[in-house]
Amino acid sequence: MCMVSVVYDYGRTVPQTSWTPDTWSQFQEILKRIDELDKKLGEPECHDPMKAAWVKEVEERLKKLEDNT
C-alpha cells in the first residue's frame, strides 16, 4: 500500500474548516515527500478518485476564502 494513500486518509479526517492556505501548503509538501519515498520503495501509484475529489473540494474552499479577502 502506498503511504500517499494513508496520508490522504488522515487528511480527510481533519475538518475542512481547519485547512488554511498555510496548513494546506504544508500538507501538500508532506504528500510530495511521501510520494518520493513511495517511489524509492517501489510502491505503486495509488490514485483514488474519491481522494482527488476531496482535494478539489478543499482547494475550491480555500480559493473562495482567498477571493473574499
Protein backbone atom coordinates (compact mmCIF):
# COMPACT_ATOMS: atom_id res chain seq x y z
CA MET A 1 0.00 0.00 0.00
CA CYS A 2 1.38 3.39 -0.86
CA MET A 3 1.88 5.81 2.01
CA VAL A 4 0.38 8.65 -0.03
CA SER A 5 -2.98 6.92 0.35
CA VAL A 6 -2.56 6.65 4.11
CA VAL A 7 -1.68 10.35 4.42
CA TYR A 8 -4.68 11.34 2.29
CA ASP A 9 -6.90 9.18 4.50
CA TYR A 10 -5.64 11.06 7.54
CA GLY A 11 -6.13 14.43 5.84
CA ARG A 12 -9.74 13.57 5.13
CA THR A 13 -10.38 13.15 8.88
CA VAL A 14 -9.45 16.78 9.51
CA PRO A 15 -12.49 19.08 9.30
CA GLN A 16 -12.41 21.12 6.09
CA THR A 17 -12.71 24.32 8.07
CA SER A 18 -9.38 23.53 9.74
CA TRP A 19 -7.49 23.76 6.45
CA THR A 20 -5.92 27.14 5.83
CA PRO A 21 -3.68 28.07 2.90
CA ASP A 22 -0.65 27.60 5.17
CA THR A 23 -1.68 24.20 6.58
CA TRP A 24 -2.74 23.03 3.11
CA SER A 25 0.64 24.03 1.71
CA GLN A 26 2.39 22.08 4.47
CA PHE A 27 0.15 19.06 3.84
CA GLN A 28 0.98 19.20 0.13
CA GLU A 29 4.70 19.29 0.96
CA ILE A 30 4.30 16.19 3.14
CA LEU A 31 2.47 14.42 0.32
CA LYS A 32 5.23 15.34 -2.13
CA ARG A 33 7.89 13.89 0.16
CA ILE A 34 5.86 10.76 0.89
CA ASP A 35 5.35 10.27 -2.86
CA GLU A 36 9.13 10.44 -3.33
CA LEU A 37 9.54 7.82 -0.60
CA ASP A 38 6.90 5.58 -2.19
CA LYS A 39 8.80 5.75 -5.48
CA LYS A 40 12.12 4.88 -3.79
CA LEU A 41 10.46 1.93 -2.06
CA GLY A 42 8.90 0.74 -5.32
CA GLU A 43 5.34 1.24 -4.14
CA PRO A 44 2.77 1.54 -6.92
CA GLU A 45 0.90 4.77 -7.52
CA CYS A 46 -2.49 4.54 -5.90
CA HIS A 47 -4.66 7.25 -7.40
CA ASP A 48 -8.12 7.29 -5.81
CA PRO A 49 -10.89 9.33 -7.46
CA MET A 50 -12.58 9.93 -4.09
CA LYS A 51 -9.41 11.39 -2.63
CA ALA A 52 -8.89 13.51 -5.74
CA ALA A 53 -12.43 14.85 -5.32
CA TRP A 54 -11.68 15.68 -1.67
CA VAL A 55 -8.54 17.59 -2.70
CA LYS A 56 -10.58 19.56 -5.22
CA GLU A 57 -13.20 20.42 -2.57
CA VAL A 58 -10.58 21.70 -0.14
CA GLU A 59 -8.77 23.70 -2.81
CA GLU A 60 -12.03 25.27 -4.04
CA ARG A 61 -12.95 26.25 -0.47
CA LEU A 62 -9.53 27.79 0.10
CA LYS A 63 -9.74 29.68 -3.21
CA LYS A 64 -13.10 31.12 -2.18
CA LEU A 65 -11.63 32.22 1.14
CA GLU A 66 -8.71 33.91 -0.62
CA ASP A 67 -11.05 35.60 -3.11
CA ASN A 68 -13.11 37.06 -0.24
CA THR A 69 -10.13 38.73 1.42
